[in-house]
């Protein structure tokens, strides 16, 4: 029998204990997703419909606006938006993970980390739907996938881990400072326009704006997944190196936040 309270003096051990409770947080996360579409006729299918409509409309308009070939630009945009949605959800919605789970935290003995894993479930589902849309679009335009495309798998694992670090940080800080989700929403909107999601790196280079992506860590997180799927090859060494370096930095910050704030979560809720 697992004693959840035994991990109160070892906050990092909670992550292992909570991972073993995967049936609990998986069920809770799926219920959260279903709750968004309660009384809806189509239910979660709205995720697919909304993503498809958004990516199609935006892709056609911006593809022509930027004079880009649709067979390249639309898959590029579709994948970029799917990855961006995952990343921004972990930052903005993730900041309220403990706040939304306040009732559970105060009534049940599950490790608090359970509710962080729970928060990741809807993000993963929505991303999977976005990825499905990407493959449909890519195949429709005759794009070929090779063994090199499989480099997206380790890239996704690194991407997911880094976003979980993001979630850990903002969830702990957001429990103490309730304005954080609003602040992050504004910052993410600004970051969207300076990150190559709706435009390519070549467009920036052609206008002497290469520094916009070179100094943006979010670009490298996107590219470790997007590059293999778009080019059928491993991401460039600098992309992998900078993504891993950023991940190590964020991981260290997450550990510091856990050690300093985890034990006080119940008291600040």
Protein backbone atom coordinates (compact mmCIF):
# COMPACT_ATOMS: atom_id res chain seq x y z
CA UNK A 1 0.00 0.00 0.00
CA UNK A 2 1.36 3.40 -0.99
CA UNK A 3 1.48 5.99 1.75
CA UNK A 4 1.08 9.32 0.03
CA UNK A 5 1.87 11.40 3.09
CA UNK A 6 5.35 9.85 3.29
CA UNK A 7 6.48 12.05 0.45
CA UNK A 8 5.74 15.35 2.14
CA UNK A 9 9.36 15.72 3.23
CA UNK A 10 10.61 14.58 -0.17
CA UNK A 11 8.73 16.65 -2.76
CA UNK A 12 10.58 15.17 -5.74
CA UNK A 13 9.50 11.65 -4.70
CA UNK A 14 5.89 12.72 -5.22
CA UNK A 15 6.44 12.68 -8.98
CA UNK A 16 7.27 8.98 -8.94
CA UNK A 17 4.40 8.15 -6.61
CA UNK A 18 1.92 10.15 -8.67
CA UNK A 19 3.12 8.55 -11.92
CA UNK A 20 2.08 5.17 -10.51
CA UNK A 21 -1.43 6.55 -10.11
CA UNK A 22 -1.77 7.00 -13.86
CA UNK A 23 -5.28 5.53 -13.93
CA UNK A 24 -6.42 8.27 -11.55
CA UNK A 25 -4.98 11.30 -13.35
CA UNK A 26 -5.71 9.90 -16.80
CA UNK A 27 -9.38 9.43 -15.88
CA UNK A 28 -9.56 12.88 -14.31
CA UNK A 29 -7.91 14.50 -17.32
CA UNK A 30 -10.27 12.83 -19.77
CA UNK A 31 -13.24 13.85 -17.62
CA UNK A 32 -11.98 17.44 -17.71
CA UNK A 33 -11.90 17.26 -21.49
CA UNK A 34 -15.40 15.80 -21.66
CA UNK A 35 -16.62 18.47 -19.25
CA UNK A 36 -15.73 21.18 -21.77
CA UNK A 37 -18.30 19.74 -24.16
CA UNK A 38 -21.05 18.77 -21.72
CA UNK A 39 -24.49 18.82 -23.41
CA UNK A 40 -22.82 19.26 -26.80
CA UNK A 41 -24.09 17.06 -29.63
CA UNK A 42 -20.70 16.62 -31.30
CA UNK A 43 -18.71 16.64 -28.07
CA UNK A 44 -14.91 16.44 -28.45
CA UNK A 45 -15.31 16.35 -32.25
CA UNK A 46 -15.48 20.14 -31.98
CA UNK A 47 -11.74 20.07 -31.32
CA UNK A 48 -11.16 18.53 -34.74
CA UNK A 49 -13.68 20.82 -36.45
CA UNK A 50 -12.32 24.02 -34.91
CA UNK A 51 -8.69 23.12 -35.55
CA UNK A 52 -9.38 22.14 -39.15
CA UNK A 53 -11.37 25.30 -39.86
CA UNK A 54 -8.80 27.58 -38.24
CA UNK A 55 -5.82 25.99 -39.92
CA UNK A 56 -7.54 25.88 -43.29
CA UNK A 57 -8.75 29.48 -43.26
CA UNK A 58 -5.57 30.97 -41.82
CA UNK A 59 -3.36 28.81 -44.03
CA UNK A 60 -5.03 29.82 -47.28
CA UNK A 61 -5.07 33.53 -46.41
CA UNK A 62 -1.52 33.77 -45.12
CA UNK A 63 -0.16 31.43 -47.77
CA UNK A 64 -1.36 33.78 -50.48
CA UNK A 65 -0.45 36.87 -48.48
CA UNK A 66 3.14 35.64 -48.10
CA UNK A 67 3.23 34.19 -51.64
CA UNK A 68 4.05 30.72 -50.33
CA UNK A 69 3.36 27.41 -52.14
CA UNK A 70 0.44 25.82 -50.32
CA UNK A 71 1.89 22.30 -50.46
CA UNK A 72 4.71 23.52 -48.21
CA UNK A 73 3.13 26.32 -46.23
CA UNK A 74 -0.14 24.72 -45.13
CA UNK A 75 1.47 21.62 -43.53
CA UNK A 76 4.11 23.93 -41.97
CA UNK A 77 1.43 26.18 -40.49
CA UNK A 78 -0.81 23.32 -39.37
CA UNK A 79 1.99 21.61 -37.47
CA UNK A 80 3.26 24.85 -36.00
CA UNK A 81 -0.16 25.80 -34.64
CA UNK A 82 -0.67 22.34 -33.13
CA UNK A 83 2.69 22.49 -31.34
CA UNK A 84 2.12 26.08 -30.27
CA UNK A 85 -1.29 25.20 -28.80
CA UNK A 86 0.26 22.50 -26.61
CA UNK A 87 3.04 24.79 -25.42
CA UNK A 88 0.81 27.76 -24.60
CA UNK A 89 -1.77 25.62 -22.81
CA UNK A 90 0.91 24.27 -20.48
CA UNK A 91 1.90 27.84 -19.65
CA UNK A 92 -1.42 29.68 -19.44
CA UNK A 93 -3.95 27.03 -18.38
CA UNK A 94 -1.27 25.20 -16.41
CA UNK A 95 -0.86 28.20 -14.12
CA UNK A 96 -4.26 27.37 -12.62
CA UNK A 97 -3.71 23.61 -12.23
CA UNK A 98 -3.50 23.63 -8.43
CA UNK A 99 -6.17 26.33 -8.12
CA UNK A 100 -8.69 24.28 -10.10
CA UNK A 101 -7.82 21.20 -8.07
CA UNK A 102 -8.16 22.96 -4.70
CA UNK A 103 -11.15 20.86 -3.61
CA UNK A 104 -9.39 17.59 -4.44
CA UNK A 105 -6.13 18.65 -2.79
CA UNK A 106 -7.86 19.52 0.48
CA UNK A 107 -10.11 16.45 0.58
CA UNK A 108 -8.00 13.59 -0.81
CA UNK A 109 -4.58 12.21 0.06
CA UNK A 110 -3.29 11.89 -3.50
CA UNK A 111 0.08 13.56 -4.13
CA UNK A 112 -0.39 17.12 -5.37
CA UNK A 113 1.57 16.20 -8.49
CA UNK A 114 -1.35 14.04 -9.55
CA UNK A 115 -3.12 17.22 -10.60
CA UNK A 116 -0.19 18.32 -12.74
CA UNK A 117 -0.27 15.04 -14.64
CA UNK A 118 -4.02 15.47 -14.88
CA UNK A 119 -3.58 18.90 -16.47
CA UNK A 120 -1.30 17.47 -19.18
CA UNK A 121 -3.91 14.97 -20.43
CA UNK A 122 -6.21 17.44 -22.28
CA UNK A 123 -3.19 19.17 -23.82
CA UNK A 124 -1.95 15.84 -25.15
CA UNK A 125 -5.35 14.96 -26.61
CA UNK A 126 -5.75 18.31 -28.36
CA UNK A 127 -2.21 18.08 -29.71
CA UNK A 128 -2.92 14.58 -31.03
CA UNK A 129 -5.93 15.92 -32.91
CA UNK A 130 -3.80 18.73 -34.35
CA UNK A 131 -1.19 16.18 -35.41
CA UNK A 132 -3.90 14.15 -37.13
CA UNK A 133 -4.98 17.26 -39.07
CA UNK A 134 -1.35 17.85 -40.06
CA UNK A 135 -0.95 14.32 -41.46
CA UNK A 136 -4.21 14.61 -43.40
CA UNK A 137 -3.11 17.93 -44.90
CA UNK A 138 0.42 16.67 -45.64
CA UNK A 139 -0.82 13.51 -47.34
CA UNK A 140 -3.43 15.48 -49.28
CA UNK A 141 -0.62 17.63 -50.72
CA UNK A 142 1.47 14.57 -51.54
CA UNK A 143 4.20 15.03 -48.96
CA UNK A 144 6.38 11.98 -48.33
CA UNK A 145 7.46 10.75 -44.90
CA UNK A 146 10.72 8.83 -44.51
CA UNK A 147 12.57 7.09 -41.70
CA UNK A 148 14.14 10.44 -40.92
CA UNK A 149 10.70 11.69 -39.89
CA UNK A 150 10.94 9.39 -36.87
CA UNK A 151 13.34 11.88 -35.31
CA UNK A 152 10.16 13.69 -34.32
CA UNK A 153 9.56 11.02 -31.65
CA UNK A 154 12.58 11.81 -29.43
CA UNK A 155 11.94 15.45 -30.23
CA UNK A 156 8.41 15.14 -28.90
CA UNK A 157 9.63 13.44 -25.72
CA UNK A 158 12.05 16.30 -25.05
CA UNK A 159 9.34 18.83 -25.93
CA UNK A 160 6.85 17.20 -23.55
CA UNK A 161 9.35 17.07 -20.69
CA UNK A 162 10.23 20.74 -21.10
CA UNK A 163 6.58 21.72 -21.18
CA UNK A 164 6.02 19.70 -18.01
CA UNK A 165 8.79 21.75 -16.43
CA UNK A 166 6.93 24.86 -17.58
CA UNK A 167 3.76 23.50 -16.02
CA UNK A 168 5.46 22.75 -12.70
CA UNK A 169 6.82 26.28 -12.45
CA UNK A 170 3.67 28.19 -13.40
CA UNK A 171 1.37 25.91 -11.36
CA UNK A 172 3.33 26.51 -8.16
CA UNK A 173 3.75 30.24 -8.75
CA UNK A 174 0.15 30.58 -9.98
CA UNK A 175 -1.20 29.06 -6.77
CA UNK A 176 0.44 31.90 -4.87
CA UNK A 177 -0.08 34.71 -7.37
CA UNK A 178 -3.50 34.46 -9.03
CA UNK A 179 -2.70 37.17 -11.59
CA UNK A 180 -0.11 34.95 -13.26
CA UNK A 181 -2.47 33.33 -15.83
CA UNK A 182 -3.56 36.77 -17.04
CA UNK A 183 0.04 37.97 -17.27
CA UNK A 184 1.11 34.86 -19.16
CA UNK A 185 -1.79 35.17 -21.60
CA UNK A 186 -0.60 38.65 -22.58
CA UNK A 187 3.02 37.57 -22.86
CA UNK A 188 2.11 34.54 -24.97
CA UNK A 189 0.20 36.75 -27.40
CA UNK A 190 3.34 38.84 -27.87
CA UNK A 191 5.52 35.73 -28.16
CA UNK A 192 3.27 34.36 -30.91
CA UNK A 193 4.13 37.24 -33.22
CA UNK A 194 7.88 36.90 -32.69
CA UNK A 195 7.99 33.11 -33.09
CA UNK A 196 8.09 31.47 -36.56
CA UNK A 197 4.69 29.79 -36.38
CA UNK A 198 2.74 31.60 -39.10
CA UNK A 199 5.79 32.60 -41.10
CA UNK A 200 8.99 30.81 -42.00
CA UNK A 201 12.57 31.45 -40.97
CA UNK A 202 13.44 32.22 -44.60
CA UNK A 203 10.98 35.13 -44.55
CA UNK A 204 12.77 36.61 -41.55
CA UNK A 205 16.22 36.12 -43.06
CA UNK A 206 15.14 37.76 -46.32
CA UNK A 207 14.17 40.89 -44.37
CA UNK A 208 17.21 40.97 -42.11
CA UNK A 209 15.24 39.77 -39.07
CA UNK A 210 17.06 36.52 -38.40
CA UNK A 211 17.73 37.55 -34.81
CA UNK A 212 13.99 37.24 -34.09
CA UNK A 213 14.13 33.44 -34.18
CA UNK A 214 17.79 32.99 -33.22
CA UNK A 215 17.20 34.53 -29.78
CA UNK A 216 13.82 32.87 -29.23
CA UNK A 217 13.97 29.57 -27.25
CA UNK A 218 10.36 28.75 -28.19
CA UNK A 219 11.43 28.42 -31.82
CA UNK A 220 13.85 25.63 -30.97
CA UNK A 221 11.17 23.77 -28.99
CA UNK A 222 8.89 23.86 -32.00
CA UNK A 223 11.62 22.93 -34.45
CA UNK A 224 12.72 19.72 -32.70
CA UNK A 225 9.35 18.29 -33.75
CA UNK A 226 8.53 20.28 -36.88
CA UNK A 227 11.87 19.91 -38.67
CA UNK A 228 11.87 16.07 -38.85
CA UNK A 229 8.25 15.93 -39.98
CA UNK A 230 8.70 18.64 -42.60
CA UNK A 231 12.14 17.60 -43.86
CA UNK A 232 12.43 13.89 -43.09
CA UNK A 233 15.74 14.35 -41.28
CA UNK A 234 17.17 14.97 -37.83
CA UNK A 235 16.97 18.59 -36.62
CA UNK A 236 20.15 20.66 -37.01
CA UNK A 237 22.68 20.24 -34.21
CA UNK A 238 22.23 23.82 -33.00
CA UNK A 239 18.49 23.32 -32.70
CA UNK A 240 18.90 20.17 -30.60
CA UNK A 241 21.67 21.68 -28.50
CA UNK A 242 19.79 24.88 -27.70
CA UNK A 243 16.56 23.00 -26.99
CA UNK A 244 18.36 20.67 -24.57
CA UNK A 245 20.20 23.58 -22.98
CA UNK A 246 16.97 25.46 -22.46
CA UNK A 247 15.36 22.30 -21.09
CA UNK A 248 18.19 21.85 -18.57
CA UNK A 249 17.81 25.47 -17.42
CA UNK A 250 14.04 25.18 -17.03
CA UNK A 251 14.46 21.83 -15.27
CA UNK A 252 16.78 23.38 -12.68
CA UNK A 253 14.32 26.21 -12.10
CA UNK A 254 11.50 23.67 -11.72
CA UNK A 255 13.45 21.75 -9.06
CA UNK A 256 14.15 24.95 -7.13
CA UNK A 257 10.48 25.93 -7.30
CA UNK A 258 9.40 22.48 -6.09
CA UNK A 259 11.74 22.53 -3.11
CA UNK A 260 10.79 26.05 -2.09
CA UNK A 261 7.04 26.10 -2.78
CA UNK A 262 5.65 22.56 -2.92
CA UNK A 263 5.17 22.13 0.83
CA UNK A 264 3.14 25.36 1.05
CA UNK A 265 0.70 24.74 -1.77
CA UNK A 266 -2.12 23.65 0.56
CA UNK A 267 -1.71 26.79 2.67
CA UNK A 268 -1.81 29.26 -0.22
CA UNK A 269 -4.90 27.76 -1.86
